């Protein structure tokens, strides 16, 4: 199961493996208190894409299309997330204010649209 959660929310036992998927560390969050198991910058949108999007919901569909194209070039990082998902709960952490239009939501959608890590190993 994949969950999406703001990093500012309190960690819970249900979160499982917690991965920060932002390129920049969130303001005001101390690394020791963040309960982040992994900071995976490689799956964050490029600086150019993030700047272009600027968290504008009107650009959401195009952002997702461009971001998914970037993710296709991050095979190793995506495979790591798929392995963690196969092992149990995976929580993608983000810092954006909008809980519906952010890179973690788009990444979750991307991961859920891909074959499971276990089926890829059998090939």
PDB file of N, CA and C in Angstrom:
ATOM      1  N   UNK A   1       0.832  -1.183   0.000  1.00  0.00           N
ATOM      2  CA  UNK A   1       0.000   0.000   0.000  1.00  0.00           C
ATOM      3  C   UNK A   1       0.875   1.244   0.000  1.00  0.00           C
ATOM      4  N   UNK A   2       0.483   2.216  -0.800  1.00  0.00           N
ATOM      5  CA  UNK A   2       1.204   3.483  -0.857  1.00  0.00           C
ATOM      6  C   UNK A   2       0.324   4.567  -0.260  1.00  0.00           C
ATOM      7  N   UNK A   3       0.919   5.320   0.659  1.00  0.00           N
ATOM      8  CA  UNK A   3       0.239   6.471   1.258  1.00  0.00           C
ATOM      9  C   UNK A   3       0.992   7.732   0.849  1.00  0.00           C
ATOM     10  N   UNK A   4       0.306   8.844   0.886  1.00  0.00           N
ATOM     11  CA  UNK A   4       0.901  10.156   0.623  1.00  0.00           C
ATOM     12  C   UNK A   4       0.594  11.018   1.838  1.00  0.00           C
ATOM     13  N   UNK A   5       1.627  11.715   2.329  1.00  0.00           N
ATOM     14  CA  UNK A   5       1.451  12.462   3.583  1.00  0.00           C
ATOM     15  C   UNK A   5       2.375  13.673   3.594  1.00  0.00           C
ATOM     16  N   UNK A   6       1.891  14.772   4.136  1.00  0.00           N
ATOM     17  CA  UNK A   6       2.762  15.942   4.321  1.00  0.00           C
ATOM     18  C   UNK A   6       3.787  15.611   5.401  1.00  0.00           C
ATOM     19  N   UNK A   7       4.991  16.029   5.188  1.00  0.00           N
ATOM     20  CA  UNK A   7       6.053  15.738   6.149  1.00  0.00           C
ATOM     21  C   UNK A   7       5.801  16.435   7.484  1.00  0.00           C
ATOM     22  N   UNK A   8       4.977  17.454   7.474  1.00  0.00           N
ATOM     23  CA  UNK A   8       4.671  18.190   8.705  1.00  0.00           C
ATOM     24  C   UNK A   8       3.686  17.438   9.595  1.00  0.00           C
ATOM     25  N   UNK A   9       3.031  16.403   9.068  1.00  0.00           N
ATOM     26  CA  UNK A   9       2.126  15.587   9.867  1.00  0.00           C
ATOM     27  C   UNK A   9       2.939  14.619  10.730  1.00  0.00           C
ATOM     28  N   UNK A  10       2.386  14.242  11.850  1.00  0.00           N
ATOM     29  CA  UNK A  10       3.055  13.321  12.766  1.00  0.00           C
ATOM     30  C   UNK A  10       3.180  11.933  12.135  1.00  0.00           C
ATOM     31  N   UNK A  11       4.335  11.342  12.303  1.00  0.00           N
ATOM     32  CA  UNK A  11       4.554   9.975  11.815  1.00  0.00           C
ATOM     33  C   UNK A  11       3.694   9.011  12.620  1.00  0.00           C
ATOM     34  N   UNK A  12       3.253   7.943  11.959  1.00  0.00           N
ATOM     35  CA  UNK A  12       2.482   6.920  12.664  1.00  0.00           C
ATOM     36  C   UNK A  12       3.015   5.542  12.291  1.00  0.00           C
ATOM     37  N   UNK A  13       2.678   4.556  13.088  1.00  0.00           N
ATOM     38  CA  UNK A  13       3.130   3.184  12.833  1.00  0.00           C
ATOM     39  C   UNK A  13       2.603   2.667  11.499  1.00  0.00           C
ATOM     40  N   UNK A  14       1.451   3.158  11.061  1.00  0.00           N
ATOM     41  CA  UNK A  14       0.857   2.738   9.789  1.00  0.00           C
ATOM     42  C   UNK A  14       1.635   3.227   8.571  1.00  0.00           C
ATOM     43  N   UNK A  15       2.523   4.186   8.767  1.00  0.00           N
ATOM     44  CA  UNK A  15       3.264   4.763   7.638  1.00  0.00           C
ATOM     45  C   UNK A  15       4.195   3.757   6.977  1.00  0.00           C
ATOM     46  N   UNK A  16       4.703   2.815   7.725  1.00  0.00           N
ATOM     47  CA  UNK A  16       5.681   1.882   7.168  1.00  0.00           C
ATOM     48  C   UNK A  16       6.962   2.607   6.807  1.00  0.00           C
ATOM     49  N   UNK A  17       7.482   2.327   5.627  1.00  0.00           N
ATOM     50  CA  UNK A  17       8.732   2.940   5.159  1.00  0.00           C
ATOM     51  C   UNK A  17       8.422   4.343   4.654  1.00  0.00           C
ATOM     52  N   UNK A  18       9.048   5.345   5.261  1.00  0.00           N
ATOM     53  CA  UNK A  18       8.773   6.754   4.950  1.00  0.00           C
ATOM     54  C   UNK A  18       9.861   7.337   4.058  1.00  0.00           C
ATOM     55  N   UNK A  19       9.438   7.853   2.890  1.00  0.00           N
ATOM     56  CA  UNK A  19      10.386   8.386   1.917  1.00  0.00           C
ATOM     57  C   UNK A  19      10.025   9.833   1.580  1.00  0.00           C
ATOM     58  N   UNK A  20      10.960  10.736   1.803  1.00  0.00           N
ATOM     59  CA  UNK A  20      10.787  12.121   1.380  1.00  0.00           C
ATOM     60  C   UNK A  20      11.095  12.186  -0.112  1.00  0.00           C
ATOM     61  N   UNK A  21      10.139  12.680  -0.901  1.00  0.00           N
ATOM     62  CA  UNK A  21      10.287  12.680  -2.360  1.00  0.00           C
ATOM     63  C   UNK A  21      10.398  14.096  -2.922  1.00  0.00           C
ATOM     64  N   UNK A  22      10.877  15.028  -2.111  1.00  0.00           N
ATOM     65  CA  UNK A  22      11.136  16.401  -2.544  1.00  0.00           C
ATOM     66  C   UNK A  22      12.622  16.571  -2.792  1.00  0.00           C
ATOM     67  N   UNK A  23      12.963  17.437  -3.715  1.00  0.00           N
ATOM     68  CA  UNK A  23      14.369  17.700  -4.028  1.00  0.00           C
ATOM     69  C   UNK A  23      15.020  18.564  -2.948  1.00  0.00           C
ATOM     70  N   UNK A  24      14.220  19.405  -2.305  1.00  0.00           N
ATOM     71  CA  UNK A  24      14.719  20.337  -1.289  1.00  0.00           C
ATOM     72  C   UNK A  24      14.163  19.923   0.069  1.00  0.00           C
ATOM     73  N   UNK A  25      15.019  19.962   1.108  1.00  0.00           N
ATOM     74  CA  UNK A  25      14.555  19.615   2.448  1.00  0.00           C
ATOM     75  C   UNK A  25      13.524  20.654   2.900  1.00  0.00           C
ATOM     76  N   UNK A  26      12.411  20.217   3.491  1.00  0.00           N
ATOM     77  CA  UNK A  26      11.335  21.130   3.900  1.00  0.00           C
ATOM     78  C   UNK A  26      11.765  22.107   4.994  1.00  0.00           C
ATOM     79  N   UNK A  27      11.295  23.324   4.862  1.00  0.00           N
ATOM     80  CA  UNK A  27      11.602  24.358   5.852  1.00  0.00           C
ATOM     81  C   UNK A  27      11.001  24.001   7.198  1.00  0.00           C
ATOM     82  N   UNK A  28      11.775  24.267   8.239  1.00  0.00           N
ATOM     83  CA  UNK A  28      11.280  24.112   9.599  1.00  0.00           C
ATOM     84  C   UNK A  28      11.212  22.687  10.113  1.00  0.00           C
ATOM     85  N   UNK A  29      11.688  21.728   9.326  1.00  0.00           N
ATOM     86  CA  UNK A  29      11.646  20.325   9.747  1.00  0.00           C
ATOM     87  C   UNK A  29      13.059  19.882  10.113  1.00  0.00           C
ATOM     88  N   UNK A  30      13.228  19.450  11.345  1.00  0.00           N
ATOM     89  CA  UNK A  30      14.541  18.958  11.773  1.00  0.00           C
ATOM     90  C   UNK A  30      14.699  17.520  11.319  1.00  0.00           C
ATOM     91  N   UNK A  31      15.846  17.212  10.762  1.00  0.00           N
ATOM     92  CA  UNK A  31      16.071  15.869  10.238  1.00  0.00           C
ATOM     93  C   UNK A  31      15.884  14.797  11.303  1.00  0.00           C
ATOM     94  N   UNK A  32      16.293  15.075  12.509  1.00  0.00           N
ATOM     95  CA  UNK A  32      16.169  14.082  13.580  1.00  0.00           C
ATOM     96  C   UNK A  32      14.710  13.801  13.936  1.00  0.00           C
ATOM     97  N   UNK A  33      13.848  14.790  13.788  1.00  0.00           N
ATOM     98  CA  UNK A  33      12.446  14.633  14.176  1.00  0.00           C
ATOM     99  C   UNK A  33      11.547  14.210  13.007  1.00  0.00           C
ATOM    100  N   UNK A  34      12.071  14.150  11.808  1.00  0.00           N
ATOM    101  CA  UNK A  34      11.243  13.915  10.621  1.00  0.00           C
ATOM    102  C   UNK A  34      10.803  12.461  10.451  1.00  0.00           C
ATOM    103  N   UNK A  35      11.486  11.542  11.097  1.00  0.00           N
ATOM    104  CA  UNK A  35      11.172  10.116  10.971  1.00  0.00           C
ATOM    105  C   UNK A  35      11.175   9.676   9.506  1.00  0.00           C
ATOM    106  N   UNK A  36      12.155  10.161   8.760  1.00  0.00           N
ATOM    107  CA  UNK A  36      12.305   9.814   7.346  1.00  0.00           C
ATOM    108  C   UNK A  36      13.273   8.638   7.255  1.00  0.00           C
ATOM    109  N   UNK A  37      12.846   7.570   6.613  1.00  0.00           N
ATOM    110  CA  UNK A  37      13.736   6.425   6.407  1.00  0.00           C
ATOM    111  C   UNK A  37      14.686   6.655   5.240  1.00  0.00           C
ATOM    112  N   UNK A  38      14.234   7.440   4.265  1.00  0.00           N
ATOM    113  CA  UNK A  38      15.032   7.688   3.067  1.00  0.00           C
ATOM    114  C   UNK A  38      14.616   9.008   2.452  1.00  0.00           C
ATOM    115  N   UNK A  39      15.612   9.793   2.043  1.00  0.00           N
ATOM    116  CA  UNK A  39      15.353  11.014   1.276  1.00  0.00           C
ATOM    117  C   UNK A  39      15.785  10.694  -0.147  1.00  0.00           C
ATOM    118  N   UNK A  40      14.828  10.500  -1.034  1.00  0.00           N
ATOM    119  CA  UNK A  40      15.099  10.049  -2.397  1.00  0.00           C
ATOM    120  C   UNK A  40      14.892  11.202  -3.377  1.00  0.00           C
ATOM    121  N   UNK A  41      15.909  12.053  -3.496  1.00  0.00           N
ATOM    122  CA  UNK A  41      15.835  13.228  -4.369  1.00  0.00           C
ATOM    123  C   UNK A  41      15.682  12.842  -5.836  1.00  0.00           C
ATOM    124  N   UNK A  42      16.184  11.658  -6.205  1.00  0.00           N
ATOM    125  CA  UNK A  42      16.162  11.250  -7.612  1.00  0.00           C
ATOM    126  C   UNK A  42      14.755  11.101  -8.179  1.00  0.00           C
ATOM    127  N   UNK A  43      13.749  10.908  -7.341  1.00  0.00           N
ATOM    128  CA  UNK A  43      12.386  10.792  -7.852  1.00  0.00           C
ATOM    129  C   UNK A  43      11.629  12.115  -7.775  1.00  0.00           C
ATOM    130  N   UNK A  44      12.268  13.148  -7.303  1.00  0.00           N
ATOM    131  CA  UNK A  44      11.625  14.462  -7.272  1.00  0.00           C
ATOM    132  C   UNK A  44      11.619  15.057  -8.680  1.00  0.00           C
ATOM    133  N   UNK A  45      10.656  15.905  -8.979  1.00  0.00           N
ATOM    134  CA  UNK A  45      10.663  16.565 -10.288  1.00  0.00           C
ATOM    135  C   UNK A  45      11.916  17.424 -10.435  1.00  0.00           C
ATOM    136  N   UNK A  46      12.360  17.584 -11.655  1.00  0.00           N
ATOM    137  CA  UNK A  46      13.514  18.450 -11.909  1.00  0.00           C
ATOM    138  C   UNK A  46      13.199  19.865 -11.434  1.00  0.00           C
ATOM    139  N   UNK A  47      14.231  20.622 -11.179  1.00  0.00           N
ATOM    140  CA  UNK A  47      14.051  22.008 -10.754  1.00  0.00           C
ATOM    141  C   UNK A  47      13.265  22.783 -11.811  1.00  0.00           C
ATOM    142  N   UNK A  48      13.564  22.533 -13.074  1.00  0.00           N
ATOM    143  CA  UNK A  48      12.870  23.229 -14.164  1.00  0.00           C
ATOM    144  C   UNK A  48      11.372  22.912 -14.154  1.00  0.00           C
ATOM    145  N   UNK A  49      11.037  21.645 -13.984  1.00  0.00           N
ATOM    146  CA  UNK A  49       9.626  21.253 -13.976  1.00  0.00           C
ATOM    147  C   UNK A  49       8.910  21.804 -12.746  1.00  0.00           C
ATOM    148  N   UNK A  50       9.551  21.706 -11.612  1.00  0.00           N
ATOM    149  CA  UNK A  50       8.953  22.217 -10.370  1.00  0.00           C
ATOM    150  C   UNK A  50       8.699  23.721 -10.476  1.00  0.00           C
ATOM    151  N   UNK A  51       9.660  24.453 -11.029  1.00  0.00           N
ATOM    152  CA  UNK A  51       9.520  25.899 -11.196  1.00  0.00           C
ATOM    153  C   UNK A  51       8.396  26.220 -12.177  1.00  0.00           C
ATOM    154  N   UNK A  52       8.346  25.486 -13.283  1.00  0.00           N
ATOM    155  CA  UNK A  52       7.288  25.709 -14.279  1.00  0.00           C
ATOM    156  C   UNK A  52       5.912  25.455 -13.664  1.00  0.00           C
ATOM    157  N   UNK A  53       5.758  24.361 -12.948  1.00  0.00           N
ATOM    158  CA  UNK A  53       4.473  23.987 -12.358  1.00  0.00           C
ATOM    159  C   UNK A  53       4.013  25.024 -11.342  1.00  0.00           C
ATOM    160  N   UNK A  54       4.900  25.409 -10.464  1.00  0.00           N
ATOM    161  CA  UNK A  54       4.625  26.424  -9.452  1.00  0.00           C
ATOM    162  C   UNK A  54       3.327  26.139  -8.673  1.00  0.00           C
ATOM    163  N   UNK A  55       3.015  24.855  -8.513  1.00  0.00           N
ATOM    164  CA  UNK A  55       1.839  24.401  -7.754  1.00  0.00           C
ATOM    165  C   UNK A  55       0.533  25.012  -8.265  1.00  0.00           C
ATOM    166  N   UNK A  56       0.447  25.193  -9.574  1.00  0.00           N
ATOM    167  CA  UNK A  56      -0.749  25.740 -10.213  1.00  0.00           C
ATOM    168  C   UNK A  56      -1.653  24.584 -10.647  1.00  0.00           C
ATOM    169  N   UNK A  57      -2.806  24.393  -9.990  1.00  0.00           N
ATOM    170  CA  UNK A  57      -3.688  23.285 -10.359  1.00  0.00           C
ATOM    171  C   UNK A  57      -4.098  23.279 -11.832  1.00  0.00           C
ATOM    172  N   UNK A  58      -4.102  24.433 -12.476  1.00  0.00           N
ATOM    173  CA  UNK A  58      -4.454  24.498 -13.898  1.00  0.00           C
ATOM    174  C   UNK A  58      -3.410  23.780 -14.762  1.00  0.00           C
ATOM    175  N   UNK A  59      -2.197  23.622 -14.249  1.00  0.00           N
ATOM    176  CA  UNK A  59      -1.111  22.953 -14.982  1.00  0.00           C
ATOM    177  C   UNK A  59      -0.964  21.478 -14.569  1.00  0.00           C
ATOM    178  N   UNK A  60      -1.856  20.983 -13.723  1.00  0.00           N
ATOM    179  CA  UNK A  60      -1.717  19.659 -13.130  1.00  0.00           C
ATOM    180  C   UNK A  60      -1.578  18.540 -14.161  1.00  0.00           C
ATOM    181  N   UNK A  61      -2.449  18.482 -15.139  1.00  0.00           N
ATOM    182  CA  UNK A  61      -2.405  17.391 -16.128  1.00  0.00           C
ATOM    183  C   UNK A  61      -1.081  17.393 -16.883  1.00  0.00           C
ATOM    184  N   UNK A  62      -0.633  18.545 -17.293  1.00  0.00           N
ATOM    185  CA  UNK A  62       0.641  18.629 -18.030  1.00  0.00           C
ATOM    186  C   UNK A  62       1.812  18.344 -17.107  1.00  0.00           C
ATOM    187  N   UNK A  63       1.738  18.804 -15.861  1.00  0.00           N
ATOM    188  CA  UNK A  63       2.788  18.493 -14.892  1.00  0.00           C
ATOM    189  C   UNK A  63       2.935  16.989 -14.746  1.00  0.00           C
ATOM    190  N   UNK A  64       1.813  16.277 -14.555  1.00  0.00           N
ATOM    191  CA  UNK A  64       1.860  14.824 -14.388  1.00  0.00           C
ATOM    192  C   UNK A  64       2.475  14.157 -15.616  1.00  0.00           C
ATOM    193  N   UNK A  65       2.090  14.590 -16.792  1.00  0.00           N
ATOM    194  CA  UNK A  65       2.634  14.005 -18.018  1.00  0.00           C
ATOM    195  C   UNK A  65       4.155  14.182 -18.076  1.00  0.00           C
ATOM    196  N   UNK A  66       4.614  15.401 -17.822  1.00  0.00           N
ATOM    197  CA  UNK A  66       6.062  15.683 -17.865  1.00  0.00           C
ATOM    198  C   UNK A  66       6.813  14.965 -16.748  1.00  0.00           C
ATOM    199  N   UNK A  67       6.229  14.940 -15.565  1.00  0.00           N
ATOM    200  CA  UNK A  67       6.866  14.289 -14.421  1.00  0.00           C
ATOM    201  C   UNK A  67       6.964  12.783 -14.639  1.00  0.00           C
ATOM    202  N   UNK A  68       5.917  12.171 -15.154  1.00  0.00           N
ATOM    203  CA  UNK A  68       5.958  10.731 -15.447  1.00  0.00           C
ATOM    204  C   UNK A  68       7.031  10.431 -16.486  1.00  0.00           C
ATOM    205  N   UNK A  69       7.236  11.322 -17.445  1.00  0.00           N
ATOM    206  CA  UNK A  69       8.316  11.151 -18.428  1.00  0.00           C
ATOM    207  C   UNK A  69       9.678  11.205 -17.726  1.00  0.00           C
ATOM    208  N   UNK A  70       9.832  12.106 -16.777  1.00  0.00           N
ATOM    209  CA  UNK A  70      11.083  12.165 -16.012  1.00  0.00           C
ATOM    210  C   UNK A  70      11.280  10.889 -15.196  1.00  0.00           C
ATOM    211  N   UNK A  71      10.217  10.388 -14.605  1.00  0.00           N
ATOM    212  CA  UNK A  71      10.321   9.179 -13.783  1.00  0.00           C
ATOM    213  C   UNK A  71      10.737   7.965 -14.613  1.00  0.00           C
ATOM    214  N   UNK A  72      10.345   7.921 -15.865  1.00  0.00           N
ATOM    215  CA  UNK A  72      10.742   6.793 -16.721  1.00  0.00           C
ATOM    216  C   UNK A  72      12.262   6.737 -16.905  1.00  0.00           C
ATOM    217  N   UNK A  73      12.933   7.835 -16.665  1.00  0.00           N
ATOM    218  CA  UNK A  73      14.406   7.870 -16.768  1.00  0.00           C
ATOM    219  C   UNK A  73      15.071   7.604 -15.412  1.00  0.00           C
ATOM    220  N   UNK A  74      14.289   7.341 -14.384  1.00  0.00           N
ATOM    221  CA  UNK A  74      14.814   7.087 -13.034  1.00  0.00           C
ATOM    222  C   UNK A  74      14.519   5.646 -12.613  1.00  0.00           C
ATOM    223  N   UNK A  75      14.842   4.711 -13.480  1.00  0.00           N
ATOM    224  CA  UNK A  75      14.495   3.303 -13.261  1.00  0.00           C
ATOM    225  C   UNK A  75      14.953   2.732 -11.935  1.00  0.00           C
ATOM    226  N   UNK A  76      16.176   3.005 -11.549  1.00  0.00           N
ATOM    227  CA  UNK A  76      16.715   2.435 -10.307  1.00  0.00           C
ATOM    228  C   UNK A  76      15.976   2.963  -9.078  1.00  0.00           C
ATOM    229  N   UNK A  77      15.734   4.261  -9.038  1.00  0.00           N
ATOM    230  CA  UNK A  77      15.039   4.856  -7.897  1.00  0.00           C
ATOM    231  C   UNK A  77      13.588   4.379  -7.842  1.00  0.00           C
ATOM    232  N   UNK A  78      12.938   4.294  -8.996  1.00  0.00           N
ATOM    233  CA  UNK A  78      11.555   3.810  -9.043  1.00  0.00           C
ATOM    234  C   UNK A  78      11.502   2.348  -8.606  1.00  0.00           C
ATOM    235  N   UNK A  79      12.459   1.542  -9.053  1.00  0.00           N
ATOM    236  CA  UNK A  79      12.511   0.128  -8.669  1.00  0.00           C
ATOM    237  C   UNK A  79      12.688  -0.012  -7.158  1.00  0.00           C
ATOM    238  N   UNK A  80      13.474   0.855  -6.558  1.00  0.00           N
ATOM    239  CA  UNK A  80      13.646   0.829  -5.104  1.00  0.00           C
ATOM    240  C   UNK A  80      12.314   1.073  -4.402  1.00  0.00           C
ATOM    241  N   UNK A  81      11.561   2.058  -4.861  1.00  0.00           N
ATOM    242  CA  UNK A  81      10.252   2.332  -4.270  1.00  0.00           C
ATOM    243  C   UNK A  81       9.302   1.152  -4.467  1.00  0.00           C
ATOM    244  N   UNK A  82       9.357   0.523  -5.623  1.00  0.00           N
ATOM    245  CA  UNK A  82       8.504  -0.637  -5.869  1.00  0.00           C
ATOM    246  C   UNK A  82       8.861  -1.794  -4.942  1.00  0.00           C
ATOM    247  N   UNK A  83      10.151  -1.986  -4.683  1.00  0.00           N
ATOM    248  CA  UNK A  83      10.562  -3.042  -3.747  1.00  0.00           C
ATOM    249  C   UNK A  83      10.059  -2.739  -2.339  1.00  0.00           C
ATOM    250  N   UNK A  84      10.177  -1.497  -1.921  1.00  0.00           N
ATOM    251  CA  UNK A  84       9.706  -1.106  -0.587  1.00  0.00           C
ATOM    252  C   UNK A  84       8.189  -1.275  -0.491  1.00  0.00           C
ATOM    253  N   UNK A  85       7.485  -0.961  -1.552  1.00  0.00           N
ATOM    254  CA  UNK A  85       6.030  -1.140  -1.585  1.00  0.00           C
ATOM    255  C   UNK A  85       5.686  -2.629  -1.452  1.00  0.00           C
ATOM    256  N   UNK A  86       6.427  -3.478  -2.133  1.00  0.00           N
ATOM    257  CA  UNK A  86       6.170  -4.920  -2.085  1.00  0.00           C
ATOM    258  C   UNK A  86       6.441  -5.490  -0.695  1.00  0.00           C
ATOM    259  N   UNK A  87       7.324  -4.856   0.061  1.00  0.00           N
ATOM    260  CA  UNK A  87       7.670  -5.319   1.404  1.00  0.00           C
ATOM    261  C   UNK A  87       6.627  -4.920   2.449  1.00  0.00           C
ATOM    262  N   UNK A  88       5.825  -3.917   2.151  1.00  0.00           N
ATOM    263  CA  UNK A  88       4.828  -3.452   3.119  1.00  0.00           C
ATOM    264  C   UNK A  88       4.394  -2.036   2.802  1.00  0.00           C
ATOM    265  N   UNK A  89       3.927  -1.335   3.802  1.00  0.00           N
ATOM    266  CA  UNK A  89       3.437   0.030   3.607  1.00  0.00           C
ATOM    267  C   UNK A  89       4.572   0.966   3.217  1.00  0.00           C
ATOM    268  N   UNK A  90       4.252   1.862   2.309  1.00  0.00           N
ATOM    269  CA  UNK A  90       5.192   2.871   1.827  1.00  0.00           C
ATOM    270  C   UNK A  90       4.487   4.209   1.913  1.00  0.00           C
ATOM    271  N   UNK A  91       5.116   5.185   2.551  1.00  0.00           N
ATOM    272  CA  UNK A  91       4.542   6.522   2.639  1.00  0.00           C
ATOM    273  C   UNK A  91       5.462   7.495   1.936  1.00  0.00           C
ATOM    274  N   UNK A  92       4.904   8.197   0.945  1.00  0.00           N
ATOM    275  CA  UNK A  92       5.626   9.220   0.197  1.00  0.00           C
ATOM    276  C   UNK A  92       5.372  10.555   0.880  1.00  0.00           C
ATOM    277  N   UNK A  93       6.429  11.185   1.331  1.00  0.00           N
ATOM    278  CA  UNK A  93       6.326  12.439   2.078  1.00  0.00           C
ATOM    279  C   UNK A  93       6.623  13.629   1.174  1.00  0.00           C
ATOM    280  N   UNK A  94       5.832  14.681   1.322  1.00  0.00           N
ATOM    281  CA  UNK A  94       6.003  15.896   0.529  1.00  0.00           C
ATOM    282  C   UNK A  94       5.796  17.100   1.443  1.00  0.00           C
ATOM    283  N   UNK A  95       6.197  18.282   0.970  1.00  0.00           N
ATOM    284  CA  UNK A  95       6.041  19.474   1.799  1.00  0.00           C
ATOM    285  C   UNK A  95       5.079  20.500   1.219  1.00  0.00           C
ATOM    286  N   UNK A  96       4.586  20.311   0.018  1.00  0.00           N
ATOM    287  CA  UNK A  96       3.682  21.282  -0.609  1.00  0.00           C
ATOM    288  C   UNK A  96       2.419  21.475   0.222  1.00  0.00           C
ATOM    289  N   UNK A  97       1.807  22.639   0.096  1.00  0.00           N
ATOM    290  CA  UNK A  97       0.576  22.936   0.834  1.00  0.00           C
ATOM    291  C   UNK A  97      -0.636  22.208   0.254  1.00  0.00           C
ATOM    292  N   UNK A  98      -0.652  22.029  -1.062  1.00  0.00           N
ATOM    293  CA  UNK A  98      -1.805  21.432  -1.736  1.00  0.00           C
ATOM    294  C   UNK A  98      -1.720  19.910  -1.636  1.00  0.00           C
ATOM    295  N   UNK A  99      -2.659  19.275  -0.924  1.00  0.00           N
ATOM    296  CA  UNK A  99      -2.592  17.817  -0.760  1.00  0.00           C
ATOM    297  C   UNK A  99      -3.035  17.035  -1.998  1.00  0.00           C
ATOM    298  N   UNK A 100      -3.606  17.704  -2.997  1.00  0.00           N
ATOM    299  CA  UNK A 100      -4.102  17.018  -4.187  1.00  0.00           C
ATOM    300  C   UNK A 100      -3.222  17.199  -5.417  1.00  0.00           C
ATOM    301  N   UNK A 101      -2.473  18.290  -5.474  1.00  0.00           N
ATOM    302  CA  UNK A 101      -1.673  18.619  -6.658  1.00  0.00           C
ATOM    303  C   UNK A 101      -0.219  18.790  -6.253  1.00  0.00           C
ATOM    304  N   UNK A 102       0.473  17.675  -6.083  1.00  0.00           N
ATOM    305  CA  UNK A 102       1.884  17.724  -5.701  1.00  0.00           C
ATOM    306  C   UNK A 102       2.595  16.496  -6.274  1.00  0.00           C
ATOM    307  N   UNK A 103       3.911  16.519  -6.234  1.00  0.00           N
ATOM    308  CA  UNK A 103       4.693  15.443  -6.847  1.00  0.00           C
ATOM    309  C   UNK A 103       4.478  14.083  -6.184  1.00  0.00           C
ATOM    310  N   UNK A 104       4.201  14.044  -4.895  1.00  0.00           N
ATOM    311  CA  UNK A 104       3.987  12.750  -4.225  1.00  0.00           C
ATOM    312  C   UNK A 104       2.719  12.078  -4.749  1.00  0.00           C
ATOM    313  N   UNK A 105       1.673  12.852  -4.991  1.00  0.00           N
ATOM    314  CA  UNK A 105       0.435  12.301  -5.540  1.00  0.00           C
ATOM    315  C   UNK A 105       0.697  11.760  -6.948  1.00  0.00           C
ATOM    316  N   UNK A 106       1.422  12.533  -7.760  1.00  0.00           N
ATOM    317  CA  UNK A 106       1.739  12.097  -9.122  1.00  0.00           C
ATOM    318  C   UNK A 106       2.655  10.877  -9.109  1.00  0.00           C
ATOM    319  N   UNK A 107       3.586  10.820  -8.174  1.00  0.00           N
ATOM    320  CA  UNK A 107       4.475   9.668  -8.058  1.00  0.00           C
ATOM    321  C   UNK A 107       3.698   8.419  -7.632  1.00  0.00           C
ATOM    322  N   UNK A 108       2.798   8.556  -6.694  1.00  0.00           N
ATOM    323  CA  UNK A 108       1.957   7.430  -6.264  1.00  0.00           C
ATOM    324  C   UNK A 108       1.173   6.893  -7.455  1.00  0.00           C
ATOM    325  N   UNK A 109       0.587   7.779  -8.227  1.00  0.00           N
ATOM    326  CA  UNK A 109      -0.158   7.387  -9.423  1.00  0.00           C
ATOM    327  C   UNK A 109       0.748   6.620 -10.393  1.00  0.00           C
ATOM    328  N   UNK A 110       1.956   7.122 -10.574  1.00  0.00           N
ATOM    329  CA  UNK A 110       2.916   6.477 -11.476  1.00  0.00           C
ATOM    330  C   UNK A 110       3.271   5.074 -10.983  1.00  0.00           C
ATOM    331  N   UNK A 111       3.585   4.956  -9.700  1.00  0.00           N
ATOM    332  CA  UNK A 111       3.959   3.655  -9.130  1.00  0.00           C
ATOM    333  C   UNK A 111       2.811   2.656  -9.233  1.00  0.00           C
ATOM    334  N   UNK A 112       1.607   3.114  -8.978  1.00  0.00           N
ATOM    335  CA  UNK A 112       0.455   2.212  -9.022  1.00  0.00           C
ATOM    336  C   UNK A 112       0.092   1.790 -10.446  1.00  0.00           C
ATOM    337  N   UNK A 113       0.554   2.533 -11.430  1.00  0.00           N
ATOM    338  CA  UNK A 113       0.259   2.181 -12.824  1.00  0.00           C
ATOM    339  C   UNK A 113       1.291   1.214 -13.405  1.00  0.00           C
ATOM    340  N   UNK A 114       2.348   0.956 -12.677  1.00  0.00           N
ATOM    341  CA  UNK A 114       3.441   0.112 -13.155  1.00  0.00           C
ATOM    342  C   UNK A 114       3.264  -1.318 -12.653  1.00  0.00           C
ATOM    343  N   UNK A 115       3.850  -2.281 -13.368  1.00  0.00           N
ATOM    344  CA  UNK A 115       3.819  -3.664 -12.865  1.00  0.00           C
ATOM    345  C   UNK A 115       4.528  -3.740 -11.507  1.00  0.00           C
ATOM    346  N   UNK A 116       4.062  -4.598 -10.654  1.00  0.00           N
ATOM    347  CA  UNK A 116       4.658  -4.783  -9.329  1.00  0.00           C
ATOM    348  C   UNK A 116       6.100  -5.240  -9.458  1.00  0.00           C
ATOM    349  N   UNK A 117       6.909  -4.896  -8.472  1.00  0.00           N
ATOM    350  CA  UNK A 117       8.334  -5.248  -8.491  1.00  0.00           C
ATOM    351  C   UNK A 117       8.531  -6.754  -8.600  1.00  0.00           C
ATOM    352  N   UNK A 118       7.679  -7.539  -7.961  1.00  0.00           N
ATOM    353  CA  UNK A 118       7.832  -8.995  -7.986  1.00  0.00           C
ATOM    354  C   UNK A 118       7.605  -9.541  -9.391  1.00  0.00           C
ATOM    355  N   UNK A 119       6.664  -8.962 -10.158  1.00  0.00           N
ATOM    356  CA  UNK A 119       6.427  -9.435 -11.519  1.00  0.00           C
ATOM    357  C   UNK A 119       7.542  -9.020 -12.461  1.00  0.00           C
ATOM    358  N   UNK A 120       8.215  -7.896 -12.168  1.00  0.00           N
ATOM    359  CA  UNK A 120       9.327  -7.466 -13.007  1.00  0.00           C
ATOM    360  C   UNK A 120      10.514  -8.389 -12.829  1.00  0.00           C
ATOM    361  N   UNK A 121      10.715  -8.906 -11.618  1.00  0.00           N
ATOM    362  CA  UNK A 121      11.845  -9.807 -11.368  1.00  0.00           C
ATOM    363  C   UNK A 121      11.715 -11.108 -12.123  1.00  0.00           C
ATOM    364  N   UNK A 122      10.496 -11.561 -12.381  1.00  0.00           N
ATOM    365  CA  UNK A 122      10.276 -12.836 -13.045  1.00  0.00           C
ATOM    366  C   UNK A 122      10.599 -12.793 -14.527  1.00  0.00           C
ATOM    367  N   UNK A 123      10.700 -11.626 -15.089  1.00  0.00           N
ATOM    368  CA  UNK A 123      10.937 -11.496 -16.523  1.00  0.00           C
ATOM    369  C   UNK A 123      12.328 -11.903 -16.917  1.00  0.00           C
TER     370      UNK A 123
END
